[in-house]
Protein backbone atom coordinates (compact mmCIF):
# COMPACT_ATOMS: atom_id res chain seq x y z
CA MET A 1 116.87 39.29 -40.53
CA ALA A 2 114.41 39.47 -37.75
CA PHE A 3 111.61 38.12 -39.97
CA LEU A 4 113.68 35.89 -41.88
CA HIS A 5 114.70 34.71 -38.44
CA ALA A 6 111.37 33.98 -37.28
CA ARG A 7 110.74 31.99 -40.59
CA HIS A 8 113.68 30.29 -39.92
CA TRP A 9 111.85 29.12 -36.29
CA GLN A 10 108.30 27.95 -37.48
CA SER A 11 107.71 24.21 -36.48
CA PRO A 12 107.94 22.29 -39.48
CA THR A 13 104.75 20.38 -40.67
CA LEU A 14 104.71 16.85 -40.31
CA PRO A 15 103.48 14.27 -42.93
CA GLY A 16 99.96 13.98 -42.59
CA GLU A 17 99.26 16.60 -40.14
CA GLY A 18 97.32 19.02 -42.28
CA GLU A 19 94.88 15.96 -43.27
CA GLY A 20 94.49 15.27 -39.88
CA MET A 21 93.26 18.48 -38.62
CA ARG A 22 91.13 18.68 -41.77
CA ILE A 23 89.25 15.37 -40.80
CA ALA A 24 89.15 16.74 -36.61
CA GLY A 25 87.72 19.88 -38.20
CA TRP A 26 85.09 17.80 -39.93
CA SER A 27 84.29 15.76 -37.05
CA PHE A 28 83.30 18.26 -34.87
CA GLY A 29 81.41 19.97 -37.28
CA ARG A 30 79.02 16.77 -37.15
CA PHE A 31 78.92 16.80 -33.37
CA GLU A 32 77.79 20.29 -33.63
CA ALA A 33 75.10 19.22 -35.87
CA ARG A 34 74.04 16.04 -34.07
CA LEU A 35 73.82 18.27 -30.72
CA ALA A 36 71.55 20.93 -32.50
CA VAL A 37 69.29 17.78 -34.04
CA LEU A 38 68.88 16.42 -30.71
CA PRO A 39 66.56 18.76 -28.97
CA ALA A 40 64.27 18.40 -32.13
CA ILE A 41 64.34 14.63 -31.82
CA ALA A 42 63.23 14.88 -28.32
CA ILE A 43 60.49 16.65 -28.78
CA VAL A 44 58.95 14.70 -31.36
CA GLY A 45 59.15 11.72 -29.99
CA CYS A 46 57.21 13.13 -26.41
CA ALA A 47 54.18 14.23 -29.09
CA ILE A 48 54.42 10.78 -30.44
CA TRP A 49 54.48 9.16 -27.33
CA LEU A 50 51.77 11.58 -25.72
CA MET A 51 49.55 10.72 -28.54
CA LEU A 52 49.67 6.63 -28.78
CA PRO A 53 47.85 6.25 -25.14
CA GLN A 54 45.53 8.32 -26.38
CA ALA A 55 44.60 7.05 -29.86
CA SER A 56 44.60 3.20 -27.68
CA ASP A 57 42.09 4.54 -25.35
CA ALA A 58 39.94 5.67 -28.14
CA GLU A 59 40.20 2.59 -30.06
CA SER A 60 39.34 0.39 -27.12
CA HIS A 61 36.20 2.85 -26.47
CA LEU A 62 35.29 2.64 -29.75
CA ALA A 63 36.04 -0.84 -30.82
CA PRO A 64 33.36 -3.34 -29.47
CA THR A 65 34.40 -6.30 -28.03
CA PRO A 66 33.66 -9.86 -29.34
CA SER A 67 31.15 -10.41 -26.16
CA GLU A 68 29.10 -6.67 -27.35
CA VAL A 69 29.05 -7.96 -30.93
CA ALA A 70 27.83 -11.19 -30.04
CA GLY A 71 25.13 -9.42 -27.66
CA VAL A 72 23.65 -7.25 -30.48
CA THR A 73 23.73 -9.73 -33.01
CA GLN A 74 20.91 -11.95 -30.94
CA GLY A 75 19.00 -8.86 -30.24
CA ILE A 76 18.50 -8.15 -33.96
CA SER A 77 17.76 -11.83 -34.78
CA ARG A 78 15.51 -11.98 -31.69
CA THR A 79 13.59 -9.01 -33.27
CA ASP A 80 13.60 -9.51 -36.77
CA ASP A 81 12.21 -13.47 -35.52
CA PRO A 82 8.54 -12.60 -35.03
CA THR A 83 8.05 -15.98 -33.26
CA GLN A 84 10.63 -15.18 -30.81
CA ALA A 85 9.14 -13.28 -28.03
CA PRO A 86 11.02 -11.43 -25.62
CA LEU A 87 11.31 -12.99 -22.74
CA GLN A 88 9.56 -10.65 -19.59
CA SER A 89 10.01 -11.19 -15.86
CA PRO A 90 7.17 -11.50 -14.18
CA GLY A 91 7.38 -8.32 -12.31
CA LEU A 92 7.56 -6.38 -15.20
CA ALA A 93 4.95 -8.01 -16.62
CA ALA A 94 2.60 -7.30 -14.32
CA VAL A 95 3.24 -3.23 -14.29
CA SER A 96 0.72 -1.07 -16.86
CA THR A 97 1.23 1.87 -17.78
CA ASP A 98 -2.56 2.90 -17.79
CA PRO A 99 -2.64 4.84 -14.09
CA ASN A 100 -5.99 3.52 -13.53
CA GLN A 101 -4.88 0.15 -13.86
CA ALA A 102 -1.90 0.44 -11.71
CA VAL A 103 -4.23 2.39 -9.16
CA GLY A 104 -6.71 -0.78 -9.09
CA ALA A 105 -3.80 -3.25 -9.12
CA ALA A 106 -2.54 -1.79 -5.90
CA ALA A 107 -2.33 -4.43 -3.11
CA PRO A 108 -5.20 -3.52 -0.81
CA LEU A 109 -4.60 -2.25 2.43
CA ASP A 110 -5.53 -4.19 5.68
CA ILE A 111 -8.83 -1.86 6.90
CA ALA A 112 -9.37 -3.59 10.06
CA GLN A 113 -13.28 -4.90 10.12
CA PRO A 114 -15.49 -2.84 12.59
CA GLU A 115 -17.00 -4.79 15.53
CA THR A 116 -20.11 -6.38 15.64
CA VAL A 117 -22.19 -4.58 17.78
CA ALA A 118 -24.94 -7.21 18.79
CA PRO A 119 -28.33 -5.14 18.56
CA ALA A 120 -30.12 -4.01 21.77
CA THR A 121 -32.28 -6.60 22.93
CA SER A 122 -36.18 -5.36 23.57
CA PRO A 123 -37.00 -5.45 27.49
CA LEU A 124 -39.93 -7.76 25.85
CA ASP A 125 -38.28 -10.28 24.54
CA GLY A 126 -37.51 -11.62 28.24
CA LEU A 127 -41.00 -10.72 29.37
CA LYS A 128 -44.48 -12.53 29.30
CA ILE A 129 -47.44 -13.31 30.23
CA ILE A 130 -47.61 -16.56 31.75
CA SER A 131 -51.27 -17.09 33.14
CA GLN A 132 -54.67 -14.53 32.59
CA SER A 133 -58.28 -13.92 33.43
CA TRP A 134 -60.87 -11.27 33.79
CA ARG A 135 -63.95 -10.21 34.99
CA ARG A 136 -66.92 -8.15 34.90
CA GLY A 137 -67.22 -5.38 37.85
CA GLY A 138 -69.32 -2.43 38.42
CA LEU A 139 -72.72 -3.80 37.20
CA GLY A 140 -71.14 -5.50 34.31
CA SER A 141 -69.51 -2.36 32.31
CA LYS A 142 -65.68 -2.34 33.76
CA ALA A 143 -63.59 -5.22 32.98
CA LEU A 144 -61.25 -6.18 35.48
CA VAL A 145 -58.32 -8.32 34.67
CA THR A 146 -56.01 -10.87 36.47
CA PHE A 147 -52.67 -12.39 35.13
CA THR A 148 -48.98 -12.96 36.04
CA LEU A 149 -45.70 -11.41 34.33
CA ARG A 150 -42.63 -12.88 34.47
CA ASN A 151 -39.20 -11.50 33.72
CA THR A 152 -36.36 -13.50 32.71
CA ASN A 153 -34.15 -10.49 31.68
CA ASP A 154 -30.79 -9.78 33.29
CA TYR A 155 -32.34 -6.62 34.69
CA ALA A 156 -35.55 -5.10 35.92
CA VAL A 157 -38.38 -3.95 34.00
CA ARG A 158 -41.03 -1.01 34.85
CA ASP A 159 -44.02 1.05 33.01
CA ILE A 160 -45.48 -2.44 31.42
CA GLU A 161 -48.21 -1.62 29.06
CA ILE A 162 -50.84 -3.95 28.04
CA ALA A 163 -53.43 -4.15 25.37
CA CYS A 164 -56.46 -6.31 26.16
CA ASN A 165 -58.87 -7.13 23.26
CA PHE A 166 -62.54 -8.31 23.87
CA ILE A 167 -64.40 -10.60 21.36
CA ARG A 168 -68.32 -11.51 20.91
CA ARG A 169 -69.09 -14.76 21.59
CA ASP A 170 -69.23 -15.71 17.62
CA GLY A 171 -65.72 -14.84 18.06
CA SER A 172 -66.07 -11.49 16.19
CA HIS A 173 -63.31 -8.42 17.69
CA LEU A 174 -65.66 -5.64 19.86
CA THR A 175 -62.99 -3.28 21.41
CA ALA A 176 -59.56 -2.92 22.62
CA ARG A 177 -58.57 -1.32 25.76
CA ARG A 178 -54.99 -0.85 27.39
CA ARG A 179 -53.30 0.12 30.42
CA ILE A 180 -50.27 1.07 31.91
CA ILE A 181 -48.60 -0.68 35.18
CA PRO A 182 -46.62 2.09 37.21
CA ASP A 183 -44.76 -0.97 38.57
CA THR A 184 -41.48 -2.57 38.55
CA VAL A 185 -40.65 -6.32 37.63
CA ASN A 186 -37.32 -7.71 39.09
CA MET A 187 -35.10 -9.75 36.98
CA LYS A 188 -35.46 -13.23 36.60
CA SER A 189 -38.85 -13.31 38.82
CA ARG A 190 -42.50 -13.08 38.39
CA LYS A 191 -45.13 -10.83 39.63
CA ARG A 192 -49.00 -11.40 39.86
CA TYR A 193 -51.63 -8.87 39.64
CA ALA A 194 -55.63 -9.49 40.32
CA GLY A 195 -58.22 -7.75 39.25
CA MET A 196 -56.88 -4.81 37.54
CA LEU A 197 -59.42 -2.55 35.87
CA VAL A 198 -58.32 -2.02 32.34
CA GLY A 199 -61.60 -0.11 31.43
CA PHE A 200 -65.27 0.07 30.29
CA VAL A 201 -66.20 -2.63 27.65
CA ASN A 202 -69.29 -3.54 25.89
CA VAL A 203 -72.41 -5.84 27.54
CA HIS A 204 -71.79 -8.24 24.78
CA ALA A 205 -68.09 -9.15 25.49
CA ASN A 206 -67.80 -12.70 26.13
CA LYS A 207 -63.57 -13.23 25.79
CA ALA A 208 -61.08 -11.19 26.75
CA LYS A 209 -56.99 -11.49 25.67
CA CYS A 210 -54.31 -9.14 26.66
CA SER A 211 -51.02 -8.83 25.39
CA LEU A 212 -48.04 -6.69 25.95
CA VAL A 213 -47.59 -3.63 24.08
CA THR A 214 -44.38 -1.70 25.57
CA ALA A 215 -41.82 -1.85 28.75
CA SER A 216 -38.74 0.31 30.06
CA ARG A 217 -35.62 -1.21 30.85
CA VAL A 218 -34.57 0.05 34.72
């Protein structure tokens, strides 16, 4: 009786209520299926998004720009045409690969020229005999010479050596004698020596001419 009583208290089923429950269950199943597919879709979308920038970068590096294509085309046309020589800058044209030429082509360094040193002048350049004469002495075998020295140098001179050549009456050479004067002649001055013995001479000597040989600077 209790069982029957329970059956009698079941809620009555409304018309269309079973069909609504079936539709709700089917919709809930589709919603769960969509939730299960969403993570897979998200992963695939991320992978595609990561691959797209890399592909674009690779294409930007690999694909030549129109200006690069034009430059390569012009370079090939110039190379193929033998009448068009490549232009070179003057700086590059002057460079040589030969090491010898490279060394020779180097700009020369400014080398200071050595100072020109004037050659030392000889004391004889400013020393002259301006007058001279001679006579015999000692029974005619000695030659006594009289002369005057003029020193135009800027310094004094000493140890003056003279050489006297004696000749015959016909002009032929007979003998020569030398004498060193142990004296000093001051600068810009003159000095006279009278009757100086220069040595023995031949009795046939008729003329004599003396000249300067050496002198020392004081």
